[in-house]
Amino acid sequence: MEHVISVTLENKAGSLSRVAGLFSGRGFNIESLAVATTLDPTVSMMTIVTSGDDRIIEQILKQLNKIIDVIKVVDLSESDAVSRETALIKVSTRPEDRAETLRIVDIFRANVVDSSPASYTIEVTGAVQKIQAIIQLLQPLGIKEIVRTGRIAIAREPVRTEATQPRPLAKAN
């Protein structure tokens, strides 16, 4: 089963290497990896997509928590989260296919970010299924190249009910 793991870690040289080394040293596969700094430049957020049974994922989570630079580890697969990926897709554009390519771009709310007489470069962001779907539709037109970011994810905030809403402060007279 696929798991999306969010790792908050110190933004120091070698931190990414230690996490990647944990996976390779134990024979675990990283299907996707995205990492960047947070609002605090001393902290990075890493999103790892991996797969395995419950025992393997439990072992991965425990091992990640043992890494000295790691601040927090969360398996987002066990909570409500928002997940997105971005892809840049370079498509051949024969004159007879240009209109069809633009229709597909419009349907998927993608953008043409570069154009030449021989190709369009399309940017699309969304769920993995959306990325896969646009790739399948563009393949018959002639995909030249694809670059994907890998998934990023963030946990959703819980929905507040009236009982959990903060009460307004009383007005002072």
N, C-alpha and C. Protein backbone atom coordinates (compact mmCIF):
# COMPACT_ATOMS: atom_id res chain seq x y z
N MET A 1 0.83 -1.19 0.00
CA MET A 1 0.00 0.00 0.00
C MET A 1 0.88 1.25 0.00
N GLU A 2 0.46 2.26 -0.76
CA GLU A 2 1.21 3.51 -0.86
C GLU A 2 0.98 4.38 0.36
N HIS A 3 2.07 5.02 0.83
CA HIS A 3 2.00 5.92 1.97
C HIS A 3 2.69 7.24 1.63
N VAL A 4 2.08 8.34 2.09
CA VAL A 4 2.67 9.67 1.94
C VAL A 4 3.13 10.08 3.34
N ILE A 5 4.44 10.27 3.49
CA ILE A 5 5.02 10.58 4.79
C ILE A 5 5.59 11.99 4.76
N SER A 6 5.18 12.79 5.74
CA SER A 6 5.67 14.16 5.88
C SER A 6 6.73 14.17 6.97
N VAL A 7 7.90 14.71 6.63
CA VAL A 7 9.02 14.76 7.58
C VAL A 7 9.46 16.21 7.73
N THR A 8 9.39 16.71 8.96
CA THR A 8 9.91 18.04 9.26
C THR A 8 11.31 17.82 9.81
N LEU A 9 12.30 18.50 9.24
CA LEU A 9 13.67 18.29 9.68
C LEU A 9 14.46 19.58 9.64
N GLU A 10 15.58 19.56 10.36
CA GLU A 10 16.45 20.73 10.37
C GLU A 10 17.05 20.91 8.99
N ASN A 11 17.12 22.16 8.56
CA ASN A 11 17.66 22.48 7.25
C ASN A 11 19.18 22.61 7.36
N LYS A 12 19.83 21.44 7.40
CA LYS A 12 21.29 21.41 7.53
C LYS A 12 21.88 20.51 6.44
N ALA A 13 23.12 20.78 6.11
CA ALA A 13 23.81 19.94 5.12
C ALA A 13 23.81 18.49 5.59
N GLY A 14 23.45 17.58 4.71
CA GLY A 14 23.47 16.16 5.03
C GLY A 14 22.16 15.60 5.53
N SER A 15 21.19 16.45 5.88
CA SER A 15 19.91 15.96 6.40
C SER A 15 19.17 15.11 5.36
N LEU A 16 19.07 15.61 4.15
CA LEU A 16 18.41 14.86 3.07
C LEU A 16 19.15 13.55 2.81
N SER A 17 20.45 13.61 2.81
CA SER A 17 21.26 12.42 2.57
C SER A 17 21.02 11.34 3.63
N ARG A 18 20.88 11.76 4.89
CA ARG A 18 20.63 10.79 5.96
C ARG A 18 19.28 10.10 5.79
N VAL A 19 18.27 10.86 5.39
CA VAL A 19 16.95 10.27 5.17
C VAL A 19 16.99 9.32 3.97
N ALA A 20 17.56 9.76 2.86
CA ALA A 20 17.66 8.90 1.68
C ALA A 20 18.50 7.65 1.98
N GLY A 21 19.56 7.84 2.76
CA GLY A 21 20.41 6.71 3.15
C GLY A 21 19.67 5.69 3.98
N LEU A 22 18.77 6.14 4.83
CA LEU A 22 17.96 5.22 5.62
C LEU A 22 17.16 4.30 4.70
N PHE A 23 16.55 4.88 3.67
CA PHE A 23 15.74 4.09 2.74
C PHE A 23 16.61 3.12 1.95
N SER A 24 17.69 3.60 1.38
CA SER A 24 18.51 2.72 0.54
C SER A 24 19.22 1.66 1.38
N GLY A 25 19.66 2.02 2.57
CA GLY A 25 20.37 1.07 3.43
C GLY A 25 19.51 -0.09 3.89
N ARG A 26 18.20 0.12 3.94
CA ARG A 26 17.29 -0.93 4.39
C ARG A 26 16.49 -1.53 3.25
N GLY A 27 16.79 -1.13 2.03
CA GLY A 27 16.13 -1.70 0.86
C GLY A 27 14.71 -1.20 0.63
N PHE A 28 14.37 -0.03 1.19
CA PHE A 28 13.06 0.56 0.97
C PHE A 28 13.13 1.46 -0.26
N ASN A 29 12.05 1.52 -1.02
CA ASN A 29 12.02 2.34 -2.22
C ASN A 29 11.32 3.67 -1.95
N ILE A 30 11.89 4.75 -2.46
CA ILE A 30 11.24 6.06 -2.45
C ILE A 30 10.65 6.24 -3.84
N GLU A 31 9.32 6.32 -3.93
CA GLU A 31 8.66 6.50 -5.21
C GLU A 31 8.66 7.96 -5.63
N SER A 32 8.64 8.86 -4.64
CA SER A 32 8.63 10.29 -4.92
C SER A 32 9.20 11.00 -3.69
N LEU A 33 9.95 12.08 -3.94
CA LEU A 33 10.56 12.84 -2.85
C LEU A 33 10.56 14.31 -3.23
N ALA A 34 10.01 15.14 -2.34
CA ALA A 34 10.02 16.59 -2.54
C ALA A 34 10.44 17.21 -1.22
N VAL A 35 11.34 18.21 -1.29
CA VAL A 35 11.81 18.86 -0.06
C VAL A 35 12.12 20.32 -0.33
N ALA A 36 11.75 21.17 0.63
CA ALA A 36 12.05 22.60 0.53
C ALA A 36 11.96 23.21 1.92
N THR A 37 12.49 24.41 2.04
CA THR A 37 12.44 25.10 3.34
C THR A 37 11.00 25.53 3.64
N THR A 38 10.74 25.77 4.92
CA THR A 38 9.43 26.24 5.37
C THR A 38 9.51 27.74 5.59
N LEU A 39 8.53 28.30 6.29
CA LEU A 39 8.60 29.72 6.63
C LEU A 39 9.82 30.02 7.48
N ASP A 40 10.22 29.03 8.27
CA ASP A 40 11.44 29.14 9.09
C ASP A 40 12.59 28.59 8.25
N PRO A 41 13.54 29.42 7.84
CA PRO A 41 14.62 28.95 6.96
C PRO A 41 15.54 27.90 7.59
N THR A 42 15.41 27.66 8.88
CA THR A 42 16.24 26.62 9.52
C THR A 42 15.54 25.26 9.52
N VAL A 43 14.31 25.22 8.98
CA VAL A 43 13.52 23.99 8.96
C VAL A 43 13.07 23.68 7.54
N SER A 44 13.16 22.40 7.16
CA SER A 44 12.66 21.95 5.86
C SER A 44 11.51 20.98 6.06
N MET A 45 10.65 20.90 5.03
CA MET A 45 9.56 19.94 5.01
C MET A 45 9.82 19.00 3.85
N MET A 46 9.78 17.72 4.13
CA MET A 46 10.04 16.70 3.13
C MET A 46 8.79 15.85 2.98
N THR A 47 8.37 15.59 1.74
CA THR A 47 7.25 14.69 1.48
C THR A 47 7.81 13.48 0.75
N ILE A 48 7.62 12.31 1.35
CA ILE A 48 8.12 11.06 0.79
C ILE A 48 6.93 10.18 0.45
N VAL A 49 6.91 9.65 -0.76
CA VAL A 49 5.91 8.66 -1.13
C VAL A 49 6.64 7.33 -1.23
N THR A 50 6.15 6.35 -0.48
CA THR A 50 6.75 5.02 -0.47
C THR A 50 5.63 4.00 -0.35
N SER A 51 5.97 2.74 -0.44
CA SER A 51 4.92 1.73 -0.29
C SER A 51 5.47 0.55 0.51
N GLY A 52 4.54 -0.17 1.08
CA GLY A 52 4.89 -1.33 1.88
C GLY A 52 3.73 -1.72 2.77
N ASP A 53 3.84 -2.88 3.38
CA ASP A 53 2.79 -3.30 4.30
C ASP A 53 2.93 -2.55 5.62
N ASP A 54 1.99 -2.77 6.52
CA ASP A 54 1.96 -2.02 7.78
C ASP A 54 3.25 -2.18 8.58
N ARG A 55 3.83 -3.38 8.58
CA ARG A 55 5.06 -3.63 9.32
C ARG A 55 6.22 -2.81 8.76
N ILE A 56 6.34 -2.76 7.45
CA ILE A 56 7.42 -2.01 6.81
C ILE A 56 7.26 -0.51 7.07
N ILE A 57 6.03 0.00 6.91
CA ILE A 57 5.79 1.43 7.14
C ILE A 57 6.07 1.80 8.59
N GLU A 58 5.66 0.94 9.52
CA GLU A 58 5.94 1.19 10.94
C GLU A 58 7.45 1.26 11.18
N GLN A 59 8.19 0.37 10.55
CA GLN A 59 9.65 0.37 10.69
C GLN A 59 10.25 1.66 10.10
N ILE A 60 9.76 2.08 8.93
CA ILE A 60 10.24 3.32 8.30
C ILE A 60 10.00 4.50 9.23
N LEU A 61 8.78 4.61 9.78
CA LEU A 61 8.45 5.73 10.66
C LEU A 61 9.34 5.75 11.90
N LYS A 62 9.58 4.58 12.50
CA LYS A 62 10.45 4.50 13.68
C LYS A 62 11.88 4.90 13.35
N GLN A 63 12.37 4.42 12.21
CA GLN A 63 13.75 4.73 11.81
C GLN A 63 13.90 6.22 11.48
N LEU A 64 12.90 6.80 10.83
CA LEU A 64 12.95 8.24 10.53
C LEU A 64 13.01 9.05 11.82
N ASN A 65 12.23 8.66 12.82
CA ASN A 65 12.22 9.38 14.10
C ASN A 65 13.56 9.29 14.83
N LYS A 66 14.39 8.32 14.50
CA LYS A 66 15.68 8.16 15.15
C LYS A 66 16.76 9.07 14.56
N ILE A 67 16.52 9.59 13.37
CA ILE A 67 17.51 10.46 12.72
C ILE A 67 17.57 11.77 13.48
N ILE A 68 18.76 12.18 13.84
CA ILE A 68 18.95 13.32 14.73
C ILE A 68 18.39 14.63 14.19
N ASP A 69 18.43 14.85 12.87
CA ASP A 69 17.95 16.09 12.27
C ASP A 69 16.42 16.14 12.14
N VAL A 70 15.76 15.00 12.32
CA VAL A 70 14.31 14.92 12.15
C VAL A 70 13.59 15.50 13.36
N ILE A 71 12.66 16.40 13.09
CA ILE A 71 11.88 17.05 14.15
C ILE A 71 10.54 16.34 14.34
N LYS A 72 9.87 15.99 13.22
CA LYS A 72 8.55 15.39 13.30
C LYS A 72 8.30 14.52 12.08
N VAL A 73 7.62 13.38 12.28
CA VAL A 73 7.27 12.48 11.20
C VAL A 73 5.77 12.20 11.28
N VAL A 74 5.07 12.36 10.15
CA VAL A 74 3.63 12.10 10.11
C VAL A 74 3.31 11.28 8.87
N ASP A 75 2.56 10.18 9.06
CA ASP A 75 2.06 9.40 7.93
C ASP A 75 0.75 10.04 7.50
N LEU A 76 0.78 10.82 6.44
CA LEU A 76 -0.41 11.55 5.98
C LEU A 76 -1.46 10.62 5.38
N SER A 77 -1.08 9.39 5.10
CA SER A 77 -2.03 8.42 4.57
C SER A 77 -3.08 8.07 5.61
N GLU A 78 -2.77 8.31 6.87
CA GLU A 78 -3.69 7.97 7.95
C GLU A 78 -4.53 9.17 8.39
N SER A 79 -4.42 10.28 7.68
CA SER A 79 -5.20 11.47 8.03
C SER A 79 -5.75 12.10 6.76
N ASP A 80 -6.58 13.09 6.93
CA ASP A 80 -7.13 13.83 5.80
C ASP A 80 -6.08 14.83 5.34
N ALA A 81 -5.64 14.73 4.09
CA ALA A 81 -4.57 15.59 3.59
C ALA A 81 -4.87 16.04 2.17
N VAL A 82 -4.22 17.14 1.78
CA VAL A 82 -4.27 17.64 0.42
C VAL A 82 -2.95 17.27 -0.23
N SER A 83 -3.03 16.69 -1.42
CA SER A 83 -1.83 16.21 -2.11
C SER A 83 -1.86 16.71 -3.55
N ARG A 84 -0.72 17.21 -4.04
CA ARG A 84 -0.63 17.71 -5.41
C ARG A 84 0.73 17.36 -6.01
N GLU A 85 0.75 17.39 -7.35
CA GLU A 85 1.97 17.16 -8.10
C GLU A 85 1.93 18.11 -9.30
N THR A 86 3.10 18.51 -9.79
CA THR A 86 3.19 19.34 -10.99
C THR A 86 3.99 18.58 -12.04
N ALA A 87 3.56 18.72 -13.28
CA ALA A 87 4.29 18.10 -14.39
C ALA A 87 4.48 19.13 -15.50
N LEU A 88 5.63 19.07 -16.14
CA LEU A 88 5.88 19.81 -17.37
C LEU A 88 5.94 18.76 -18.48
N ILE A 89 5.13 18.94 -19.50
CA ILE A 89 5.02 17.96 -20.57
C ILE A 89 5.28 18.65 -21.89
N LYS A 90 6.32 18.21 -22.59
CA LYS A 90 6.63 18.78 -23.92
C LYS A 90 5.98 17.87 -24.97
N VAL A 91 5.09 18.48 -25.77
CA VAL A 91 4.31 17.73 -26.74
C VAL A 91 4.63 18.22 -28.15
N SER A 92 4.78 17.27 -29.07
CA SER A 92 4.94 17.63 -30.49
C SER A 92 3.69 18.35 -30.95
N THR A 93 3.86 19.35 -31.78
CA THR A 93 2.70 20.09 -32.25
C THR A 93 2.72 20.20 -33.77
N ARG A 94 2.26 19.14 -34.39
CA ARG A 94 2.05 19.22 -35.84
C ARG A 94 0.86 20.16 -36.06
N PRO A 95 0.85 20.89 -37.16
CA PRO A 95 -0.24 21.86 -37.38
C PRO A 95 -1.63 21.26 -37.19
N GLU A 96 -1.83 20.02 -37.61
CA GLU A 96 -3.16 19.41 -37.50
C GLU A 96 -3.52 19.01 -36.06
N ASP A 97 -2.53 18.99 -35.13
CA ASP A 97 -2.79 18.59 -33.74
C ASP A 97 -2.81 19.77 -32.76
N ARG A 98 -2.48 20.96 -33.22
CA ARG A 98 -2.37 22.09 -32.30
C ARG A 98 -3.70 22.39 -31.59
N ALA A 99 -4.79 22.41 -32.32
CA ALA A 99 -6.10 22.71 -31.72
C ALA A 99 -6.49 21.64 -30.70
N GLU A 100 -6.27 20.40 -31.03
CA GLU A 100 -6.59 19.30 -30.11
C GLU A 100 -5.76 19.40 -28.83
N THR A 101 -4.49 19.72 -28.98
CA THR A 101 -3.62 19.88 -27.81
C THR A 101 -4.15 21.00 -26.91
N LEU A 102 -4.52 22.11 -27.50
CA LEU A 102 -5.04 23.24 -26.72
C LEU A 102 -6.38 22.90 -26.05
N ARG A 103 -7.21 22.08 -26.69
CA ARG A 103 -8.47 21.65 -26.07
C ARG A 103 -8.18 20.81 -24.83
N ILE A 104 -7.23 19.90 -24.93
CA ILE A 104 -6.86 19.06 -23.78
C ILE A 104 -6.31 19.93 -22.65
N VAL A 105 -5.44 20.88 -23.00
CA VAL A 105 -4.88 21.81 -22.01
C VAL A 105 -6.01 22.54 -21.29
N ASP A 106 -6.99 23.01 -22.03
CA ASP A 106 -8.12 23.75 -21.45
C ASP A 106 -8.97 22.84 -20.54
N ILE A 107 -9.26 21.64 -20.97
CA ILE A 107 -10.07 20.71 -20.18
C ILE A 107 -9.43 20.45 -18.82
N PHE A 108 -8.11 20.33 -18.78
CA PHE A 108 -7.41 20.00 -17.54
C PHE A 108 -6.95 21.24 -16.77
N ARG A 109 -7.37 22.41 -17.22
CA ARG A 109 -6.97 23.68 -16.59
C ARG A 109 -5.45 23.76 -16.46
N ALA A 110 -4.78 23.30 -17.49
CA ALA A 110 -3.33 23.37 -17.56
C ALA A 110 -2.95 24.66 -18.29
N ASN A 111 -1.66 24.89 -18.43
CA ASN A 111 -1.17 26.10 -19.10
C ASN A 111 -0.08 25.74 -20.10
N VAL A 112 -0.09 26.41 -21.22
CA VAL A 112 1.04 26.31 -22.15
C VAL A 112 2.04 27.35 -21.67
N VAL A 113 3.22 26.90 -21.23
CA VAL A 113 4.21 27.81 -20.67
C VAL A 113 5.35 28.11 -21.64
N ASP A 114 5.40 27.36 -22.76
CA ASP A 114 6.40 27.62 -23.79
C ASP A 114 5.85 27.06 -25.10
N SER A 115 6.18 27.75 -26.18
CA SER A 115 5.69 27.33 -27.48
C SER A 115 6.77 27.52 -28.52
N SER A 116 6.85 26.58 -29.44
CA SER A 116 7.74 26.71 -30.59
C SER A 116 6.98 26.16 -31.79
N PRO A 117 7.50 26.32 -32.98
CA PRO A 117 6.79 25.76 -34.14
C PRO A 117 6.63 24.24 -34.05
N ALA A 118 7.49 23.57 -33.28
CA ALA A 118 7.45 22.10 -33.23
C ALA A 118 6.89 21.53 -31.93
N SER A 119 6.65 22.39 -30.92
CA SER A 119 6.19 21.83 -29.64
C SER A 119 5.52 22.86 -28.75
N TYR A 120 4.72 22.34 -27.82
CA TYR A 120 4.19 23.11 -26.70
C TYR A 120 4.77 22.49 -25.44
N THR A 121 5.09 23.33 -24.45
CA THR A 121 5.41 22.81 -23.12
C THR A 121 4.24 23.17 -22.24
N ILE A 122 3.66 22.15 -21.64
CA ILE A 122 2.43 22.28 -20.85
C ILE A 122 2.75 22.08 -19.39
N GLU A 123 2.20 22.95 -18.54
CA GLU A 123 2.32 22.82 -17.09
C GLU A 123 0.96 22.42 -16.55
N VAL A 124 0.93 21.35 -15.75
CA VAL A 124 -0.31 20.91 -15.15
C VAL A 124 -0.06 20.56 -13.69
N THR A 125 -0.97 20.98 -12.82
CA THR A 125 -0.86 20.70 -11.39
C THR A 125 -2.15 20.07 -10.92
N GLY A 126 -2.02 19.06 -10.06
CA GLY A 126 -3.22 18.44 -9.51
C GLY A 126 -2.91 17.12 -8.86
N ALA A 127 -3.96 16.36 -8.62
CA ALA A 127 -3.81 15.03 -8.04
C ALA A 127 -3.09 14.13 -9.05
N VAL A 128 -2.48 13.08 -8.55
CA VAL A 128 -1.73 12.15 -9.40
C VAL A 128 -2.62 11.62 -10.53
N GLN A 129 -3.88 11.35 -10.24
CA GLN A 129 -4.80 10.82 -11.25
C GLN A 129 -5.00 11.82 -12.39
N LYS A 130 -5.04 13.10 -12.06
CA LYS A 130 -5.18 14.14 -13.09
C LYS A 130 -3.95 14.17 -13.99
N ILE A 131 -2.78 14.08 -13.38
CA ILE A 131 -1.53 14.09 -14.15
C ILE A 131 -1.50 12.88 -15.09
N GLN A 132 -1.86 11.71 -14.57
CA GLN A 132 -1.88 10.49 -15.39
C GLN A 132 -2.88 10.61 -16.54
N ALA A 133 -4.05 11.19 -16.25
CA ALA A 133 -5.08 11.31 -17.28
C ALA A 133 -4.64 12.22 -18.43
N ILE A 134 -4.03 13.37 -18.12
CA ILE A 134 -3.62 14.26 -19.21
C ILE A 134 -2.48 13.63 -20.01
N ILE A 135 -1.60 12.91 -19.34
CA ILE A 135 -0.52 12.22 -20.05
C ILE A 135 -1.10 11.20 -21.04
N GLN A 136 -2.09 10.44 -20.60
CA GLN A 136 -2.72 9.45 -21.49
C GLN A 136 -3.37 10.09 -22.70
N LEU A 137 -3.99 11.26 -22.51
CA LEU A 137 -4.63 11.93 -23.65
C LEU A 137 -3.62 12.57 -24.60
N LEU A 138 -2.48 13.01 -24.05
CA LEU A 138 -1.47 13.65 -24.89
C LEU A 138 -0.56 12.65 -25.60
N GLN A 139 -0.46 11.42 -25.10
CA GLN A 139 0.45 10.44 -25.71
C GLN A 139 0.22 10.23 -27.21
N PRO A 140 -1.01 10.08 -27.66
CA PRO A 140 -1.19 9.88 -29.11
C PRO A 140 -0.74 11.08 -29.95
N LEU A 141 -0.65 12.25 -29.33
CA LEU A 141 -0.22 13.45 -30.06
C LEU A 141 1.31 13.54 -30.15
N GLY A 142 2.01 12.77 -29.31
CA GLY A 142 3.47 12.75 -29.37
C GLY A 142 4.16 13.49 -28.25
N ILE A 143 4.25 12.87 -27.09
CA ILE A 143 4.98 13.46 -25.97
C ILE A 143 6.47 13.30 -26.23
N LYS A 144 7.19 14.41 -26.14
CA LYS A 144 8.64 14.40 -26.34
C LYS A 144 9.37 14.18 -25.02
N GLU A 145 8.84 14.78 -23.94
CA GLU A 145 9.54 14.75 -22.66
C GLU A 145 8.56 15.06 -21.54
N ILE A 146 8.79 14.46 -20.38
CA ILE A 146 7.98 14.73 -19.18
C ILE A 146 8.91 14.92 -18.00
N VAL A 147 8.63 15.94 -17.19
CA VAL A 147 9.33 16.15 -15.92
C VAL A 147 8.26 16.33 -14.86
N ARG A 148 8.37 15.55 -13.77
CA ARG A 148 7.37 15.62 -12.70
C ARG A 148 8.06 15.97 -11.39
N THR A 149 7.35 16.73 -10.54
CA THR A 149 7.92 17.16 -9.27
C THR A 149 7.91 16.07 -8.22
N GLY A 150 7.02 15.14 -8.31
CA GLY A 150 6.76 14.26 -7.18
C GLY A 150 5.71 14.94 -6.33
N ARG A 151 5.09 14.19 -5.49
CA ARG A 151 3.98 14.71 -4.70
C ARG A 151 4.43 15.56 -3.53
N ILE A 152 3.64 16.58 -3.25
CA ILE A 152 3.75 17.32 -2.01
C ILE A 152 2.41 17.18 -1.32
N ALA A 153 2.40 17.23 0.00
CA ALA A 153 1.15 17.03 0.73
C ALA A 153 1.19 17.80 2.04
N ILE A 154 0.00 18.14 2.51
CA ILE A 154 -0.14 18.83 3.79
C ILE A 154 -1.45 18.36 4.42
N ALA A 155 -1.44 18.19 5.73
CA ALA A 155 -2.63 17.74 6.44
C ALA A 155 -3.69 18.84 6.42
N ARG A 156 -4.93 18.44 6.32
CA ARG A 156 -6.04 19.39 6.40
C ARG A 156 -6.28 19.75 7.85
N GLU A 157 -6.75 20.95 8.07
CA GLU A 157 -7.16 21.37 9.40
C GLU A 157 -8.52 20.75 9.70
N PRO A 158 -8.78 20.39 10.95
CA PRO A 158 -10.09 19.83 11.27
C PRO A 158 -11.18 20.90 11.09
N VAL A 159 -12.35 20.45 10.69
CA VAL A 159 -13.48 21.36 10.52
C VAL A 159 -13.99 21.74 11.90
N ARG A 160 -14.18 23.03 12.09
CA ARG A 160 -14.65 23.52 13.40
C ARG A 160 -16.17 23.50 13.42
N THR A 161 -16.73 22.99 14.48
CA THR A 161 -18.17 23.05 14.68
C THR A 161 -18.46 24.21 15.61
N GLU A 162 -19.74 24.51 15.81
CA GLU A 162 -20.09 25.62 16.71
C GLU A 162 -19.52 25.41 18.10
N ALA A 163 -19.52 24.16 18.54
CA ALA A 163 -19.03 23.86 19.89
C ALA A 163 -17.54 24.14 20.03
N THR A 164 -16.80 24.07 18.92
CA THR A 164 -15.35 24.28 19.01
C THR A 164 -14.93 25.67 18.55
N GLN A 165 -15.90 26.48 18.10
CA GLN A 165 -15.57 27.84 17.66
C GLN A 165 -15.20 28.69 18.86
N PRO A 166 -14.18 29.52 18.76
CA PRO A 166 -13.88 30.41 19.89
C PRO A 166 -15.02 31.42 20.06
N ARG A 167 -15.32 31.72 21.31
CA ARG A 167 -16.38 32.68 21.59
C ARG A 167 -15.85 34.10 21.43
N PRO A 168 -16.69 34.99 20.90
CA PRO A 168 -16.23 36.39 20.76
C PRO A 168 -16.02 37.00 22.14
N LEU A 169 -15.05 37.88 22.21
CA LEU A 169 -14.78 38.57 23.46
C LEU A 169 -15.90 39.55 23.78
N ALA A 170 -16.21 39.67 25.05
CA ALA A 170 -17.24 40.62 25.47
C ALA A 170 -16.71 42.04 25.27
N LYS A 171 -17.60 42.93 24.85
CA LYS A 171 -17.20 44.31 24.61
C LYS A 171 -17.04 45.03 25.96
N ALA A 172 -15.98 45.79 26.06
CA ALA A 172 -15.76 46.58 27.27
C ALA A 172 -16.53 47.88 27.14
N ASN A 173 -17.16 48.31 28.22
CA ASN A 173 -17.93 49.56 28.20
C ASN A 173 -17.09 50.72 28.59
